[in-house]
Each structure stands twice: as structure tokens, then as C-alpha cells.
Amino acid sequence: MSSGETHTSSREPPSNDEVMTTADVMRFLKINRPETVYSLAQKIPHNRIGRQYRFLKSDIVAFVRAKGPKQPITRSDLRLRRPAFLRDVEPIIKC
């Protein structure tokens, strides 16, 4: 590590431009299940590296602010979209 670089531990809160993993997002949003983060990834910009998701903290903050303090994240925010080939097929069981 050069003298100009600083080392940040995983326990420090990420800065606004820092890349966050799924575990970081879970800690930041106080979510217990990674599936919830994967569902939110449908609505939050992200990148995938192999099987892992990466988010910018600024995108997470913008999503939470867009929801507003009186608009909780609902089940419809977490609902996954049906694949294109299934959109014309009527589901057997409706949610």
C-alpha cells in the first residue's frame, strides 16, 4: 500500500461512491435476508460480477429517498417480473 492510500476495514460505513456488496446493503438497510436485496435489485441499478451483485451506495440512498419517509418498501417493490415468454400465459395460482 503506498503512502497516499488508506485502508478501510469492512466495519466502516461506506462512502457515497463506494461499491457495496449484498452483505453491505443488508447491513446498511438493516435487512436480514439476501433474497430481499436480490428482489430490490430489480429496481436499483447494479452490476453483477459472476454471481455476485455490486451496488453504489448513492444508488441505494437515492432509492430509499425516492420512496420517502411515509412510503415503506412494499411487497410490490419486491415482486419479480415474469419472464417475457411467460407474460402471455395465465398463471394457475394468482398471487
Protein backbone atom coordinates (compact mmCIF):
# COMPACT_ATOMS: atom_id res chain seq x y z
CA MET A 1 0.00 0.00 0.00
CA SER A 2 1.50 3.37 -0.94
CA SER A 3 1.62 6.30 1.45
CA GLY A 4 -1.31 8.05 -0.31
CA GLU A 5 -3.68 5.10 0.01
CA THR A 6 -5.78 4.43 3.06
CA HIS A 7 -7.08 1.06 4.10
CA THR A 8 -10.74 0.86 5.08
CA SER A 9 -12.00 -2.05 7.08
CA SER A 10 -15.30 -3.75 6.30
CA ARG A 11 -16.69 -2.38 9.57
CA GLU A 12 -16.51 1.27 8.47
CA PRO A 13 -19.61 2.69 6.81
CA PRO A 14 -19.16 3.03 3.05
CA SER A 15 -18.82 6.48 1.48
CA ASN A 16 -21.45 7.62 -1.06
CA ASP A 17 -19.44 6.45 -4.08
CA GLU A 18 -18.30 3.19 -2.56
CA VAL A 19 -19.24 -0.09 -4.15
CA MET A 20 -21.33 -2.23 -1.81
CA THR A 21 -21.83 -5.99 -1.78
CA THR A 22 -25.11 -7.69 -0.96
CA ALA A 23 -23.93 -8.09 2.64
CA ASP A 24 -23.08 -4.36 2.82
CA VAL A 25 -26.55 -3.44 1.53
CA MET A 26 -28.14 -5.81 4.07
CA ARG A 27 -26.26 -4.10 6.92
CA PHE A 28 -26.96 -0.60 5.56
CA LEU A 29 -30.72 -1.18 5.14
CA LYS A 30 -30.93 -3.45 8.22
CA ILE A 31 -32.33 -6.33 6.17
CA ASN A 32 -31.91 -9.91 7.38
CA ARG A 33 -32.39 -11.82 4.12
CA PRO A 34 -30.24 -11.57 0.99
CA GLU A 35 -33.29 -12.54 -1.10
CA THR A 36 -34.79 -9.15 -0.24
CA VAL A 37 -31.72 -7.40 -1.67
CA TYR A 38 -31.90 -9.56 -4.81
CA SER A 39 -35.55 -8.56 -5.22
CA LEU A 40 -34.71 -4.89 -4.77
CA ALA A 41 -32.01 -5.27 -7.43
CA GLN A 42 -34.86 -5.29 -9.97
CA LYS A 43 -35.40 -1.59 -9.13
CA ILE A 44 -31.92 -0.42 -8.07
CA PRO A 45 -29.07 -0.06 -10.59
CA HIS A 46 -26.43 -2.70 -10.00
CA ASN A 47 -23.66 -4.66 -11.66
CA ARG A 48 -23.02 -8.36 -11.47
CA ILE A 49 -19.59 -9.87 -11.16
CA GLY A 50 -20.10 -13.56 -11.71
CA ARG A 51 -22.89 -14.48 -9.31
CA GLN A 52 -22.31 -11.53 -7.01
CA TYR A 53 -24.15 -8.20 -7.08
CA ARG A 54 -22.47 -4.82 -6.63
CA PHE A 55 -24.33 -1.59 -5.80
CA LEU A 56 -23.27 2.03 -5.41
CA LYS A 57 -24.24 3.45 -2.05
CA SER A 58 -25.50 6.61 -3.78
CA ASP A 59 -27.99 4.46 -5.77
CA ILE A 60 -29.22 2.76 -2.59
CA VAL A 61 -29.64 6.14 -0.85
CA ALA A 62 -31.46 7.57 -3.90
CA PHE A 63 -33.87 4.60 -3.95
CA VAL A 64 -34.67 4.97 -0.25
CA ARG A 65 -35.14 8.74 -0.60
CA ALA A 66 -37.40 8.28 -3.62
CA LYS A 67 -39.64 6.04 -1.51
CA GLY A 68 -39.95 8.84 1.04
CA PRO A 69 -40.30 8.53 4.81
CA LYS A 70 -44.02 7.69 4.67
CA GLN A 71 -43.78 5.19 1.84
CA PRO A 72 -42.41 1.89 3.15
CA ILE A 73 -40.88 -0.63 0.81
CA THR A 74 -43.82 -2.88 -0.01
CA ARG A 75 -44.23 -6.40 -1.33
CA SER A 76 -44.94 -4.97 -4.79
CA ASP A 77 -41.49 -3.35 -4.73
CA LEU A 78 -40.04 -6.80 -4.16
CA ARG A 79 -42.22 -8.67 -6.66
CA LEU A 80 -40.22 -10.10 -9.51
CA ARG A 81 -41.29 -9.54 -13.08
CA ARG A 82 -42.43 -12.54 -15.08
CA PRO A 83 -40.07 -13.61 -17.88
CA ALA A 84 -41.15 -12.43 -21.34
CA PHE A 85 -42.04 -15.94 -22.54
CA LEU A 86 -44.49 -16.35 -19.61
CA ARG A 87 -46.24 -12.98 -19.81
CA ASP A 88 -48.96 -14.24 -22.14
CA VAL A 89 -49.58 -17.41 -20.10
CA GLU A 90 -52.29 -17.21 -17.45
CA PRO A 91 -50.92 -18.29 -14.06
CA ILE A 92 -52.57 -21.25 -12.38
CA ILE A 93 -52.35 -19.66 -8.94
CA LYS A 94 -52.69 -15.89 -8.68
CA CYS A 95 -50.79 -14.03 -6.01
